[in-house]
C-alpha atoms as a PDB file:
ATOM      1  CA  MET A   1     112.085 124.555 138.576  1.00  0.00           C
ATOM      2  CA  PRO A   2     108.250 124.452 138.638  1.00  0.00           C
ATOM      3  CA  LYS A   3     106.190 122.039 136.601  1.00  0.00           C
ATOM      4  CA  MET A   4     105.039 123.051 133.138  1.00  0.00           C
ATOM      5  CA  LYS A   5     101.343 123.821 133.007  1.00  0.00           C
ATOM      6  CA  THR A   6      99.089 122.280 130.365  1.00  0.00           C
ATOM      7  CA  LYS A   7      97.342 124.679 127.990  1.00  0.00           C
ATOM      8  CA  LYS A   8      93.714 124.103 128.980  1.00  0.00           C
ATOM      9  CA  SER A   9      92.415 125.332 125.625  1.00  0.00           C
ATOM     10  CA  ALA A  10      94.362 122.541 123.908  1.00  0.00           C
ATOM     11  CA  THR A  11      93.058 119.820 126.227  1.00  0.00           C
ATOM     12  CA  LYS A  12      89.478 120.913 125.531  1.00  0.00           C
ATOM     13  CA  ARG A  13      89.918 120.850 121.747  1.00  0.00           C
ATOM     14  CA  ILE A  14      92.293 117.946 121.131  1.00  0.00           C
ATOM     15  CA  LYS A  15      92.363 114.388 122.404  1.00  0.00           C
ATOM     16  CA  MET A  16      94.739 111.478 122.105  1.00  0.00           C
ATOM     17  CA  SER A  17      93.648 108.292 120.376  1.00  0.00           C
ATOM     18  CA  ALA A  18      94.486 104.839 121.711  1.00  0.00           C
ATOM     19  CA  THR A  19      97.288 104.532 119.155  1.00  0.00           C
ATOM     20  CA  GLY A  20      98.812 107.890 120.143  1.00  0.00           C
ATOM     21  CA  LYS A  21      97.492 110.061 117.313  1.00  0.00           C
ATOM     22  CA  LEU A  22      96.182 113.544 118.119  1.00  0.00           C
ATOM     23  CA  LEU A  23      92.569 114.068 117.058  1.00  0.00           C
ATOM     24  CA  ARG A  24      90.714 117.348 116.589  1.00  0.00           C
ATOM     25  CA  THR A  25      87.313 118.497 115.403  1.00  0.00           C
ATOM     26  CA  GLN A  26      86.952 120.237 112.060  1.00  0.00           C
ATOM     27  CA  GLY A  27      85.982 123.887 111.857  1.00  0.00           C
ATOM     28  CA  GLY A  28      83.492 125.595 109.594  1.00  0.00           C
ATOM     29  CA  LYS A  29      80.203 124.332 110.983  1.00  0.00           C
ATOM     30  CA  SER A  30      79.318 126.505 113.969  1.00  0.00           C
ATOM     31  CA  HIS A  31      77.458 129.326 112.214  1.00  0.00           C
ATOM     32  CA  ILE A  32      76.357 130.610 108.776  1.00  0.00           C
ATOM     33  CA  ASN A  33      75.237 127.103 107.890  1.00  0.00           C
ATOM     34  CA  GLY A  34      72.124 127.976 105.928  1.00  0.00           C
ATOM     35  CA  TYR A  35      73.755 128.089 102.522  1.00  0.00           C
ATOM     36  CA  LYS A  36      76.111 125.142 103.040  1.00  0.00           C
ATOM     37  CA  PRO A  37      74.963 121.862 101.492  1.00  0.00           C
ATOM     38  CA  ARG A  38      73.985 118.950 103.728  1.00  0.00           C
ATOM     39  CA  ALA A  39      76.816 116.835 102.377  1.00  0.00           C
ATOM     40  CA  ARG A  40      79.402 119.471 103.271  1.00  0.00           C
ATOM     41  CA  LYS A  41      78.117 119.762 106.845  1.00  0.00           C
ATOM     42  CA  ARG A  42      77.901 115.988 107.141  1.00  0.00           C
ATOM     43  CA  ASN A  43      81.525 115.618 106.020  1.00  0.00           C
ATOM     44  CA  LEU A  44      82.632 118.099 108.692  1.00  0.00           C
ATOM     45  CA  ARG A  45      81.334 115.816 111.447  1.00  0.00           C
ATOM     46  CA  GLY A  46      83.611 113.610 113.462  1.00  0.00           C
ATOM     47  CA  LEU A  47      87.294 113.905 114.197  1.00  0.00           C
ATOM     48  CA  THR A  48      90.360 114.293 112.033  1.00  0.00           C
ATOM     49  CA  SER A  49      94.020 113.971 112.918  1.00  0.00           C
ATOM     50  CA  VAL A  50      96.266 116.940 113.652  1.00  0.00           C
ATOM     51  CA  ASP A  51      98.591 117.770 110.758  1.00  0.00           C
ATOM     52  CA  ASP A  52     102.136 116.407 110.992  1.00  0.00           C
ATOM     53  CA  SER A  53     103.598 119.912 110.957  1.00  0.00           C
ATOM     54  CA  ASN A  54     101.678 120.786 114.147  1.00  0.00           C
ATOM     55  CA  VAL A  55     102.066 117.568 116.156  1.00  0.00           C
ATOM     56  CA  LYS A  56     105.216 118.634 117.983  1.00  0.00           C
ATOM     57  CA  THR A  57     103.716 121.966 119.042  1.00  0.00           C
ATOM     58  CA  VAL A  58     100.418 120.441 120.147  1.00  0.00           C
ATOM     59  CA  LYS A  59     102.138 117.722 122.173  1.00  0.00           C
ATOM     60  CA  ARG A  60     104.164 120.388 123.938  1.00  0.00           C
ATOM     61  CA  MET A  61     100.968 122.318 124.704  1.00  0.00           C
ATOM     62  CA  MET A  62      99.295 119.204 126.091  1.00  0.00           C
ATOM     63  CA  GLN A  63     102.374 118.049 128.039  1.00  0.00           C
ATOM     64  CA  VAL A  64     102.294 114.597 126.409  1.00  0.00           C
END
């Protein structure tokens, strides 16, 4: 049986933290930003963890 291939789109969007949590970027800040307040765009910076309901699926996609 051949090896399972990693979903490259997942590896580009999601990374594993040192403690094993899956981290992702938040959406909603790539375009149509003119009307959004500074505070809203500032709060969308950085990483957030993947929801518990999706962890199993994402780990399977990333072959972790």
